[in-house]
Amino acid sequence: MQRSGPTNLCGMCLIRVRDILAAMQYHSRLLLMIVVLAVLVLLASLVLFTGRPAQEAPTLPFEEAFVTIQDTKPTVHFGTTTITVEIADTESERHHGLSGRLSLAQGHGMLFIFPTSNEYAFWMPDMYFAIDMIWLNDAKRVVYIKENATPDSYPETFAPNMPARFVLEVPAGYAKAHGIVVGSQGSWSD
């Protein structure tokens, strides 16, 4: 009986173990070279940068050291009432308006600005909350108010009976709660 099978198998195992050990020695040398190179780079950077004096940051007078950030959102005023607005002054912005929004915060609105005065009609497509619509003439005086226009009023339209150039949309009930009535004078910077 010959034992060549198991003997050959053990011989093959020994050859593979030798190959693995040789590969480990090669990779160990490679790893050692990488570590030595990293240490040399670190030492060189320390020598180069620690020999230089640190540059001092320029000092500013106290008044110049602070920057005042102003709220640049446009606002519309009716007496002491201030409404932060988004401006809709392009055809696309006026067409889309507040459609698709889920709500409008108190004290906020959208100001529609038209190039000329006319009896502009508004409606409530794709609206999810009620609003007050306030039409103002060229002099920024309120000429008409549609209070509590609701989403279920669509496709009904709302329009003033005289020309207006601006329309302000605010949350429902806002006009009454803040004393905004026909004849109220609005103001904002153009």
N, C-alpha and C. Protein backbone atom coordinates (compact mmCIF):
# COMPACT_ATOMS: atom_id res chain seq x y z
N MET A 1 0.83 -1.17 0.00
CA MET A 1 0.00 0.00 0.00
C MET A 1 0.88 1.24 0.00
N GLN A 2 0.53 2.16 -0.86
CA GLN A 2 1.32 3.38 -0.93
C GLN A 2 0.61 4.52 -0.22
N ARG A 3 1.41 5.35 0.35
CA ARG A 3 0.87 6.50 1.06
C ARG A 3 1.19 7.79 0.31
N SER A 4 1.22 7.72 -0.95
CA SER A 4 1.63 8.89 -1.73
C SER A 4 0.58 10.01 -1.65
N GLY A 5 -0.70 9.66 -1.57
CA GLY A 5 -1.74 10.70 -1.53
C GLY A 5 -1.58 11.64 -0.36
N PRO A 6 -1.63 11.12 0.89
CA PRO A 6 -1.51 12.02 2.02
C PRO A 6 -0.15 12.69 2.11
N THR A 7 0.92 11.99 1.71
CA THR A 7 2.25 12.57 1.76
C THR A 7 2.33 13.76 0.80
N ASN A 8 1.81 13.60 -0.40
CA ASN A 8 1.83 14.70 -1.37
C ASN A 8 0.99 15.88 -0.88
N LEU A 9 -0.12 15.56 -0.24
CA LEU A 9 -0.98 16.62 0.28
C LEU A 9 -0.26 17.43 1.34
N CYS A 10 0.46 16.75 2.24
CA CYS A 10 1.20 17.47 3.27
C CYS A 10 2.32 18.29 2.66
N GLY A 11 2.93 17.77 1.61
CA GLY A 11 3.99 18.52 0.94
C GLY A 11 3.44 19.78 0.31
N MET A 12 2.24 19.68 -0.26
CA MET A 12 1.62 20.85 -0.87
C MET A 12 1.26 21.88 0.20
N CYS A 13 0.82 21.41 1.37
CA CYS A 13 0.49 22.32 2.46
C CYS A 13 1.72 23.08 2.91
N LEU A 14 2.86 22.37 2.99
CA LEU A 14 4.09 23.03 3.41
C LEU A 14 4.51 24.10 2.41
N ILE A 15 4.34 23.83 1.13
CA ILE A 15 4.70 24.82 0.11
C ILE A 15 3.81 26.05 0.24
N ARG A 16 2.51 25.86 0.44
CA ARG A 16 1.60 26.98 0.57
C ARG A 16 1.90 27.80 1.82
N VAL A 17 2.21 27.15 2.93
CA VAL A 17 2.56 27.86 4.16
C VAL A 17 3.79 28.71 3.93
N ARG A 18 4.81 28.17 3.19
CA ARG A 18 6.02 28.95 2.89
C ARG A 18 5.67 30.17 2.05
N ASP A 19 4.75 30.00 1.06
CA ASP A 19 4.36 31.13 0.21
C ASP A 19 3.66 32.22 1.03
N ILE A 20 2.82 31.78 1.96
CA ILE A 20 2.10 32.74 2.81
C ILE A 20 3.07 33.50 3.69
N LEU A 21 4.04 32.80 4.28
CA LEU A 21 5.04 33.46 5.14
C LEU A 21 5.88 34.44 4.35
N ALA A 22 6.24 34.09 3.13
CA ALA A 22 7.04 34.99 2.29
C ALA A 22 6.24 36.24 1.94
N ALA A 23 4.96 36.05 1.63
CA ALA A 23 4.12 37.20 1.31
C ALA A 23 3.96 38.11 2.51
N MET A 24 3.83 37.52 3.71
CA MET A 24 3.69 38.33 4.92
C MET A 24 4.96 39.13 5.18
N GLN A 25 6.13 38.54 4.92
CA GLN A 25 7.38 39.27 5.11
C GLN A 25 7.44 40.46 4.15
N TYR A 26 7.02 40.25 2.89
CA TYR A 26 7.05 41.32 1.90
C TYR A 26 6.11 42.45 2.32
N HIS A 27 4.89 42.10 2.74
CA HIS A 27 3.93 43.12 3.15
C HIS A 27 4.37 43.82 4.43
N SER A 28 5.03 43.11 5.33
CA SER A 28 5.54 43.73 6.55
C SER A 28 6.59 44.77 6.21
N ARG A 29 7.48 44.44 5.27
CA ARG A 29 8.50 45.40 4.85
C ARG A 29 7.84 46.62 4.20
N LEU A 30 6.84 46.39 3.37
CA LEU A 30 6.14 47.49 2.71
C LEU A 30 5.45 48.39 3.74
N LEU A 31 4.77 47.80 4.71
CA LEU A 31 4.12 48.56 5.76
C LEU A 31 5.13 49.36 6.57
N LEU A 32 6.27 48.77 6.88
CA LEU A 32 7.32 49.45 7.63
C LEU A 32 7.83 50.66 6.84
N MET A 33 8.00 50.51 5.52
CA MET A 33 8.47 51.63 4.69
C MET A 33 7.44 52.76 4.68
N ILE A 34 6.16 52.43 4.64
CA ILE A 34 5.11 53.47 4.64
C ILE A 34 5.11 54.22 5.97
N VAL A 35 5.24 53.52 7.08
CA VAL A 35 5.28 54.15 8.40
C VAL A 35 6.48 55.07 8.51
N VAL A 36 7.64 54.61 8.07
CA VAL A 36 8.87 55.43 8.14
C VAL A 36 8.69 56.69 7.29
N LEU A 37 8.13 56.54 6.10
CA LEU A 37 7.91 57.69 5.23
C LEU A 37 6.95 58.70 5.87
N ALA A 38 5.87 58.22 6.50
CA ALA A 38 4.91 59.11 7.16
C ALA A 38 5.56 59.87 8.30
N VAL A 39 6.41 59.21 9.08
CA VAL A 39 7.11 59.86 10.19
C VAL A 39 8.05 60.93 9.65
N LEU A 40 8.74 60.65 8.54
CA LEU A 40 9.65 61.64 7.96
C LEU A 40 8.88 62.87 7.48
N VAL A 41 7.73 62.66 6.86
CA VAL A 41 6.92 63.79 6.39
C VAL A 41 6.45 64.62 7.58
N LEU A 42 6.02 63.97 8.65
CA LEU A 42 5.57 64.68 9.84
C LEU A 42 6.71 65.49 10.45
N LEU A 43 7.88 64.90 10.56
CA LEU A 43 9.03 65.62 11.11
C LEU A 43 9.41 66.82 10.24
N ALA A 44 9.39 66.64 8.92
CA ALA A 44 9.75 67.73 8.02
C ALA A 44 8.75 68.88 8.15
N SER A 45 7.46 68.56 8.28
CA SER A 45 6.47 69.63 8.42
C SER A 45 6.63 70.36 9.75
N LEU A 46 6.97 69.66 10.81
CA LEU A 46 7.20 70.31 12.10
C LEU A 46 8.38 71.27 12.03
N VAL A 47 9.45 70.85 11.37
CA VAL A 47 10.63 71.70 11.25
C VAL A 47 10.31 72.93 10.43
N LEU A 48 9.57 72.76 9.34
CA LEU A 48 9.27 73.89 8.47
C LEU A 48 8.34 74.91 9.11
N PHE A 49 7.32 74.46 9.81
CA PHE A 49 6.29 75.37 10.29
C PHE A 49 6.50 75.88 11.72
N THR A 50 7.27 75.21 12.52
CA THR A 50 7.47 75.71 13.88
C THR A 50 8.56 76.76 13.96
N GLY A 51 9.38 76.86 12.97
CA GLY A 51 10.44 77.87 12.97
C GLY A 51 9.92 79.25 12.64
N ARG A 52 8.73 79.39 12.09
CA ARG A 52 8.19 80.69 11.69
C ARG A 52 7.37 81.28 12.82
N PRO A 53 7.47 82.60 13.01
CA PRO A 53 6.61 83.23 14.03
C PRO A 53 5.17 83.28 13.52
N ALA A 54 4.25 83.13 14.43
CA ALA A 54 2.83 83.17 14.08
C ALA A 54 2.44 84.59 13.70
N GLN A 55 1.63 84.71 12.67
CA GLN A 55 1.16 86.04 12.26
C GLN A 55 -0.04 86.39 13.14
N GLU A 56 -0.03 87.60 13.64
CA GLU A 56 -1.13 88.03 14.48
C GLU A 56 -2.31 88.47 13.61
N ALA A 57 -3.50 88.18 14.07
CA ALA A 57 -4.70 88.61 13.35
C ALA A 57 -4.83 90.12 13.51
N PRO A 58 -5.25 90.79 12.43
CA PRO A 58 -5.41 92.24 12.55
C PRO A 58 -6.52 92.58 13.55
N THR A 59 -6.29 93.63 14.30
CA THR A 59 -7.31 94.05 15.26
C THR A 59 -8.11 95.19 14.66
N LEU A 60 -9.38 95.20 14.96
CA LEU A 60 -10.27 96.24 14.46
C LEU A 60 -10.79 97.05 15.63
N PRO A 61 -11.09 98.30 15.39
CA PRO A 61 -11.75 99.06 16.45
C PRO A 61 -13.05 98.37 16.83
N PHE A 62 -13.50 98.58 18.05
CA PHE A 62 -14.68 97.88 18.59
C PHE A 62 -15.89 98.02 17.67
N GLU A 63 -16.13 99.20 17.11
CA GLU A 63 -17.31 99.42 16.27
C GLU A 63 -17.26 98.59 15.00
N GLU A 64 -16.05 98.35 14.47
CA GLU A 64 -15.93 97.62 13.22
C GLU A 64 -15.97 96.11 13.43
N ALA A 65 -15.84 95.65 14.66
CA ALA A 65 -15.76 94.23 14.91
C ALA A 65 -17.12 93.54 14.85
N PHE A 66 -18.18 94.29 14.87
CA PHE A 66 -19.52 93.69 14.85
C PHE A 66 -20.23 94.06 13.56
N VAL A 67 -20.90 93.08 13.00
CA VAL A 67 -21.69 93.30 11.79
C VAL A 67 -23.15 93.22 12.17
N THR A 68 -23.92 94.19 11.76
CA THR A 68 -25.35 94.17 12.03
C THR A 68 -26.05 93.55 10.84
N ILE A 69 -26.80 92.49 11.09
CA ILE A 69 -27.57 91.85 10.04
C ILE A 69 -29.00 92.34 10.16
N GLN A 70 -29.46 92.98 9.11
CA GLN A 70 -30.81 93.52 9.12
C GLN A 70 -31.75 92.55 8.42
N ASP A 71 -32.97 92.50 8.89
CA ASP A 71 -33.98 91.68 8.25
C ASP A 71 -34.36 92.38 6.95
N THR A 72 -34.07 91.74 5.83
CA THR A 72 -34.29 92.38 4.54
C THR A 72 -35.59 91.94 3.89
N LYS A 73 -36.44 91.23 4.62
CA LYS A 73 -37.71 90.82 4.05
C LYS A 73 -38.61 92.04 3.94
N PRO A 74 -39.30 92.17 2.81
CA PRO A 74 -40.18 93.32 2.65
C PRO A 74 -41.34 93.30 3.65
N THR A 75 -41.78 94.46 4.01
CA THR A 75 -42.91 94.58 4.94
C THR A 75 -43.91 95.59 4.41
N VAL A 76 -45.17 95.36 4.75
CA VAL A 76 -46.26 96.28 4.45
C VAL A 76 -46.77 96.78 5.79
N HIS A 77 -47.06 98.08 5.87
CA HIS A 77 -47.50 98.69 7.13
C HIS A 77 -48.88 99.31 6.97
N PHE A 78 -49.71 99.11 7.97
CA PHE A 78 -50.99 99.81 8.12
C PHE A 78 -50.96 100.39 9.53
N GLY A 79 -50.60 101.65 9.66
CA GLY A 79 -50.45 102.25 10.99
C GLY A 79 -49.35 101.51 11.73
N THR A 80 -49.69 100.94 12.89
CA THR A 80 -48.69 100.21 13.68
C THR A 80 -48.63 98.72 13.34
N THR A 81 -49.47 98.28 12.41
CA THR A 81 -49.48 96.87 12.00
C THR A 81 -48.44 96.65 10.91
N THR A 82 -47.57 95.67 11.12
CA THR A 82 -46.54 95.33 10.14
C THR A 82 -46.75 93.90 9.67
N ILE A 83 -46.73 93.72 8.36
CA ILE A 83 -46.91 92.40 7.75
C ILE A 83 -45.66 92.09 6.93
N THR A 84 -45.01 90.98 7.24
CA THR A 84 -43.87 90.52 6.45
C THR A 84 -44.41 89.83 5.21
N VAL A 85 -43.97 90.27 4.03
CA VAL A 85 -44.56 89.76 2.80
C VAL A 85 -43.54 89.14 1.86
N GLU A 86 -44.07 88.26 1.05
CA GLU A 86 -43.36 87.78 -0.14
C GLU A 86 -43.93 88.59 -1.29
N ILE A 87 -43.09 88.92 -2.24
CA ILE A 87 -43.52 89.73 -3.37
C ILE A 87 -43.80 88.83 -4.57
N ALA A 88 -44.94 89.04 -5.19
CA ALA A 88 -45.29 88.36 -6.44
C ALA A 88 -45.42 89.45 -7.50
N ASP A 89 -44.34 89.67 -8.26
CA ASP A 89 -44.37 90.76 -9.23
C ASP A 89 -44.09 90.31 -10.66
N THR A 90 -44.01 88.99 -10.88
CA THR A 90 -43.90 88.49 -12.25
C THR A 90 -45.19 87.75 -12.58
N GLU A 91 -45.45 87.57 -13.85
CA GLU A 91 -46.67 86.88 -14.28
C GLU A 91 -46.74 85.49 -13.65
N SER A 92 -45.63 84.78 -13.65
CA SER A 92 -45.59 83.42 -13.08
C SER A 92 -45.86 83.42 -11.58
N GLU A 93 -45.22 84.34 -10.85
CA GLU A 93 -45.43 84.43 -9.40
C GLU A 93 -46.87 84.82 -9.06
N ARG A 94 -47.42 85.75 -9.83
CA ARG A 94 -48.81 86.17 -9.58
C ARG A 94 -49.77 85.04 -9.89
N HIS A 95 -49.49 84.28 -10.93
CA HIS A 95 -50.37 83.15 -11.30
C HIS A 95 -50.35 82.07 -10.21
N HIS A 96 -49.17 81.77 -9.67
CA HIS A 96 -49.05 80.70 -8.67
C HIS A 96 -49.51 81.15 -7.29
N GLY A 97 -49.15 82.35 -6.89
CA GLY A 97 -49.58 82.90 -5.60
C GLY A 97 -49.31 81.97 -4.43
N LEU A 98 -50.30 81.79 -3.58
CA LEU A 98 -50.18 80.92 -2.40
C LEU A 98 -50.67 79.50 -2.66
N SER A 99 -51.03 79.20 -3.89
CA SER A 99 -51.53 77.86 -4.23
C SER A 99 -50.56 76.77 -3.81
N GLY A 100 -51.10 75.70 -3.25
CA GLY A 100 -50.29 74.55 -2.87
C GLY A 100 -49.68 74.63 -1.49
N ARG A 101 -49.72 75.77 -0.85
CA ARG A 101 -49.18 75.89 0.51
C ARG A 101 -50.19 75.36 1.52
N LEU A 102 -49.67 74.89 2.63
CA LEU A 102 -50.54 74.33 3.66
C LEU A 102 -51.03 75.38 4.65
N SER A 103 -50.30 76.49 4.79
CA SER A 103 -50.71 77.51 5.76
C SER A 103 -49.97 78.82 5.47
N LEU A 104 -50.37 79.84 6.20
CA LEU A 104 -49.73 81.15 6.14
C LEU A 104 -49.69 81.68 7.57
N ALA A 105 -48.51 81.96 8.06
CA ALA A 105 -48.34 82.39 9.46
C ALA A 105 -48.97 83.77 9.69
N GLN A 106 -49.46 83.99 10.90
CA GLN A 106 -49.99 85.30 11.28
C GLN A 106 -48.86 86.33 11.12
N GLY A 107 -49.22 87.49 10.63
CA GLY A 107 -48.22 88.55 10.44
C GLY A 107 -47.45 88.40 9.14
N HIS A 108 -47.85 87.43 8.31
CA HIS A 108 -47.19 87.21 7.02
C HIS A 108 -48.23 87.25 5.91
N GLY A 109 -47.77 87.55 4.71
CA GLY A 109 -48.68 87.60 3.58
C GLY A 109 -47.93 87.59 2.27
N MET A 110 -48.69 87.75 1.20
CA MET A 110 -48.10 87.85 -0.14
C MET A 110 -48.67 89.10 -0.78
N LEU A 111 -47.76 89.94 -1.31
CA LEU A 111 -48.14 91.18 -1.98
C LEU A 111 -47.99 91.00 -3.48
N PHE A 112 -49.11 91.09 -4.18
CA PHE A 112 -49.12 90.99 -5.63
C PHE A 112 -48.98 92.39 -6.20
N ILE A 113 -47.99 92.59 -7.04
CA ILE A 113 -47.74 93.90 -7.64
C ILE A 113 -47.96 93.77 -9.14
N PHE A 114 -48.88 94.60 -9.66
CA PHE A 114 -49.19 94.60 -11.08
C PHE A 114 -48.58 95.83 -11.73
N PRO A 115 -48.27 95.75 -13.03
CA PRO A 115 -47.64 96.91 -13.69
C PRO A 115 -48.57 98.11 -13.83
N THR A 116 -49.87 97.87 -13.91
CA THR A 116 -50.84 98.96 -14.03
C THR A 116 -52.07 98.64 -13.18
N SER A 117 -52.89 99.64 -12.94
CA SER A 117 -54.13 99.45 -12.19
C SER A 117 -55.19 98.82 -13.08
N ASN A 118 -56.00 97.94 -12.46
CA ASN A 118 -57.10 97.29 -13.16
C ASN A 118 -58.00 96.64 -12.12
N GLU A 119 -59.09 96.06 -12.54
CA GLU A 119 -59.98 95.35 -11.62
C GLU A 119 -59.59 93.87 -11.63
N TYR A 120 -58.44 93.55 -11.03
CA TYR A 120 -57.89 92.20 -11.05
C TYR A 120 -58.74 91.25 -10.21
N ALA A 121 -59.10 90.11 -10.83
CA ALA A 121 -59.90 89.10 -10.14
C ALA A 121 -58.99 88.01 -9.58
N PHE A 122 -59.34 87.54 -8.40
CA PHE A 122 -58.59 86.46 -7.75
C PHE A 122 -59.54 85.31 -7.44
N TRP A 123 -58.97 84.12 -7.35
CA TRP A 123 -59.75 82.93 -6.99
C TRP A 123 -58.90 82.02 -6.14
N MET A 124 -59.40 80.84 -5.76
CA MET A 124 -58.75 80.00 -4.76
C MET A 124 -58.38 78.59 -5.27
N PRO A 125 -57.80 78.44 -6.46
CA PRO A 125 -57.44 77.09 -6.90
C PRO A 125 -56.27 76.55 -6.08
N ASP A 126 -56.32 75.27 -5.77
CA ASP A 126 -55.25 74.58 -5.04
C ASP A 126 -54.89 75.25 -3.71
N MET A 127 -55.86 75.88 -3.07
CA MET A 127 -55.64 76.50 -1.76
C MET A 127 -56.12 75.55 -0.67
N TYR A 128 -55.41 75.60 0.50
CA TYR A 128 -55.74 74.70 1.61
C TYR A 128 -56.16 75.45 2.87
N PHE A 129 -56.26 76.76 2.79
CA PHE A 129 -56.65 77.55 3.96
C PHE A 129 -57.33 78.83 3.48
N ALA A 130 -58.10 79.43 4.37
CA ALA A 130 -58.83 80.66 4.05
C ALA A 130 -57.91 81.87 4.20
N ILE A 131 -58.21 82.91 3.41
CA ILE A 131 -57.41 84.14 3.45
C ILE A 131 -58.31 85.36 3.33
N ASP A 132 -57.74 86.52 3.70
CA ASP A 132 -58.34 87.82 3.39
C ASP A 132 -57.56 88.36 2.19
N MET A 133 -58.30 88.93 1.23
CA MET A 133 -57.67 89.57 0.07
C MET A 133 -57.93 91.07 0.17
N ILE A 134 -56.87 91.85 0.07
CA ILE A 134 -56.97 93.30 0.25
C ILE A 134 -56.44 93.99 -1.01
N TRP A 135 -57.31 94.68 -1.74
CA TRP A 135 -56.91 95.40 -2.95
C TRP A 135 -56.54 96.83 -2.58
N LEU A 136 -55.44 97.32 -3.14
CA LEU A 136 -54.98 98.70 -2.88
C LEU A 136 -54.75 99.41 -4.21
N ASN A 137 -55.03 100.71 -4.25
CA ASN A 137 -54.83 101.48 -5.48
C ASN A 137 -53.38 101.95 -5.61
N ASP A 138 -53.12 102.79 -6.63
CA ASP A 138 -51.76 103.31 -6.86
C ASP A 138 -51.21 104.05 -5.65
N ALA A 139 -52.08 104.70 -4.90
CA ALA A 139 -51.66 105.45 -3.72
C ALA A 139 -51.51 104.56 -2.48
N LYS A 140 -51.68 103.23 -2.66
CA LYS A 140 -51.55 102.23 -1.58
C LYS A 140 -52.66 102.37 -0.54
N ARG A 141 -53.82 102.85 -0.99
CA ARG A 141 -55.00 102.96 -0.12
C ARG A 141 -55.92 101.78 -0.42
N VAL A 142 -56.47 101.16 0.61
CA VAL A 142 -57.36 100.01 0.45
C VAL A 142 -58.64 100.43 -0.24
N VAL A 143 -58.97 99.72 -1.35
CA VAL A 143 -60.20 100.03 -2.10
C VAL A 143 -61.23 98.90 -1.99
N TYR A 144 -60.81 97.70 -1.59
CA TYR A 144 -61.75 96.58 -1.48
C TYR A 144 -61.11 95.49 -0.63
N ILE A 145 -61.93 94.78 0.15
CA ILE A 145 -61.44 93.65 0.94
C ILE A 145 -62.41 92.48 0.78
N LYS A 146 -61.89 91.34 0.45
CA LYS A 146 -62.68 90.10 0.49
C LYS A 146 -62.19 89.34 1.71
N GLU A 147 -63.01 89.31 2.74
CA GLU A 147 -62.64 88.62 3.97
C GLU A 147 -63.00 87.14 3.87
N ASN A 148 -62.15 86.31 4.46
CA ASN A 148 -62.40 84.88 4.62
C ASN A 148 -62.76 84.17 3.31
N ALA A 149 -61.95 84.37 2.29
CA ALA A 149 -62.11 83.61 1.05
C ALA A 149 -61.64 82.19 1.33
N THR A 150 -62.52 81.22 1.13
CA THR A 150 -62.22 79.83 1.50
C THR A 150 -61.88 78.98 0.28
N PRO A 151 -61.13 77.90 0.50
CA PRO A 151 -60.78 77.02 -0.62
C PRO A 151 -61.99 76.45 -1.36
N ASP A 152 -63.08 76.20 -0.63
CA ASP A 152 -64.25 75.62 -1.28
C ASP A 152 -65.03 76.64 -2.13
N SER A 153 -64.58 77.90 -2.15
CA SER A 153 -65.23 78.90 -2.99
C SER A 153 -64.81 78.76 -4.46
N TYR A 154 -63.72 78.05 -4.73
CA TYR A 154 -63.25 77.86 -6.11
C TYR A 154 -64.33 77.15 -6.92
N PRO A 155 -64.68 77.59 -8.09
CA PRO A 155 -64.02 78.52 -9.02
C PRO A 155 -64.55 79.97 -8.99
N GLU A 156 -65.26 80.33 -7.92
CA GLU A 156 -65.74 81.71 -7.81
C GLU A 156 -64.55 82.67 -7.82
N THR A 157 -64.73 83.84 -8.45
CA THR A 157 -63.68 84.86 -8.47
C THR A 157 -64.11 86.06 -7.63
N PHE A 158 -63.10 86.77 -7.14
CA PHE A 158 -63.33 87.96 -6.31
C PHE A 158 -62.56 89.12 -6.94
N ALA A 159 -63.24 90.26 -7.11
CA ALA A 159 -62.60 91.42 -7.75
C ALA A 159 -63.19 92.69 -7.16
N PRO A 160 -62.39 93.77 -7.17
CA PRO A 160 -62.91 95.05 -6.67
C PRO A 160 -63.82 95.69 -7.72
N ASN A 161 -64.57 96.67 -7.31
CA ASN A 161 -65.42 97.39 -8.27
C ASN A 161 -64.75 98.67 -8.76
N MET A 162 -63.46 98.81 -8.48
CA MET A 162 -62.68 99.94 -8.98
C MET A 162 -61.24 99.47 -9.19
N PRO A 163 -60.46 100.18 -10.00
CA PRO A 163 -59.10 99.74 -10.30
C PRO A 163 -58.20 99.67 -9.06
N ALA A 164 -57.35 98.69 -9.07
CA ALA A 164 -56.34 98.51 -8.01
C ALA A 164 -55.05 98.05 -8.68
N ARG A 165 -53.94 98.34 -8.07
CA ARG A 165 -52.64 97.92 -8.62
C ARG A 165 -51.97 96.87 -7.74
N PHE A 166 -52.39 96.76 -6.49
CA PHE A 166 -51.78 95.84 -5.55
C PHE A 166 -52.86 94.99 -4.87
N VAL A 167 -52.51 93.74 -4.58
CA VAL A 167 -53.40 92.88 -3.80
C VAL A 167 -52.53 92.23 -2.72
N LEU A 168 -53.01 92.32 -1.49
CA LEU A 168 -52.31 91.74 -0.35
C LEU A 168 -53.15 90.58 0.18
N GLU A 169 -52.56 89.39 0.24
CA GLU A 169 -53.24 88.22 0.82
C GLU A 169 -52.64 87.94 2.20
N VAL A 170 -53.52 87.83 3.18
CA VAL A 170 -53.12 87.57 4.58
C VAL A 170 -54.03 86.47 5.13
N PRO A 171 -53.68 85.87 6.29
CA PRO A 171 -54.55 84.84 6.86
C PRO A 171 -55.96 85.37 7.12
N ALA A 172 -56.94 84.49 7.00
CA ALA A 172 -58.35 84.88 7.20
C ALA A 172 -58.54 85.51 8.58
N GLY A 173 -59.27 86.60 8.62
CA GLY A 173 -59.56 87.30 9.87
C GLY A 173 -58.53 88.35 10.24
N TYR A 174 -57.42 88.40 9.52
CA TYR A 174 -56.33 89.32 9.86
C TYR A 174 -56.76 90.78 9.66
N ALA A 175 -57.44 91.07 8.56
CA ALA A 175 -57.83 92.45 8.28
C ALA A 175 -58.72 93.00 9.41
N LYS A 176 -59.74 92.24 9.78
CA LYS A 176 -60.65 92.70 10.84
C LYS A 176 -59.92 92.81 12.17
N ALA A 177 -59.10 91.82 12.50
CA ALA A 177 -58.39 91.82 13.79
C ALA A 177 -57.43 93.00 13.93
N HIS A 178 -56.94 93.54 12.81
CA HIS A 178 -55.97 94.63 12.88
C HIS A 178 -56.53 95.95 12.36
N GLY A 179 -57.84 96.02 12.21
CA GLY A 179 -58.47 97.29 11.84
C GLY A 179 -58.18 97.75 10.43
N ILE A 180 -57.88 96.83 9.53
CA ILE A 180 -57.65 97.20 8.13
C ILE A 180 -59.00 97.21 7.42
N VAL A 181 -59.41 98.39 6.93
CA VAL A 181 -60.71 98.56 6.31
C VAL A 181 -60.55 99.33 5.00
N VAL A 182 -61.60 99.38 4.20
CA VAL A 182 -61.56 100.21 2.99
C VAL A 182 -61.23 101.63 3.41
N GLY A 183 -60.27 102.23 2.75
CA GLY A 183 -59.80 103.57 3.08
C GLY A 183 -58.52 103.58 3.89
N SER A 184 -58.13 102.43 4.50
CA SER A 184 -56.87 102.36 5.27
C SER A 184 -55.69 102.62 4.33
N GLN A 185 -54.71 103.32 4.88
CA GLN A 185 -53.53 103.67 4.09
C GLN A 185 -52.42 102.66 4.37
N GLY A 186 -51.96 101.99 3.31
CA GLY A 186 -50.82 101.09 3.43
C GLY A 186 -49.53 101.81 3.05
N SER A 187 -48.43 101.23 3.45
CA SER A 187 -47.14 101.81 3.04
C SER A 187 -46.09 100.70 2.98
N TRP A 188 -45.14 100.88 2.09
CA TRP A 188 -43.98 100.02 1.95
C TRP A 188 -43.01 100.74 1.03
N SER A 189 -41.77 100.32 1.06
CA SER A 189 -40.80 100.95 0.17
C SER A 189 -40.77 100.17 -1.15
N ASP A 190 -40.72 100.92 -2.24
CA ASP A 190 -40.78 100.29 -3.57
C ASP A 190 -39.45 99.72 -3.99
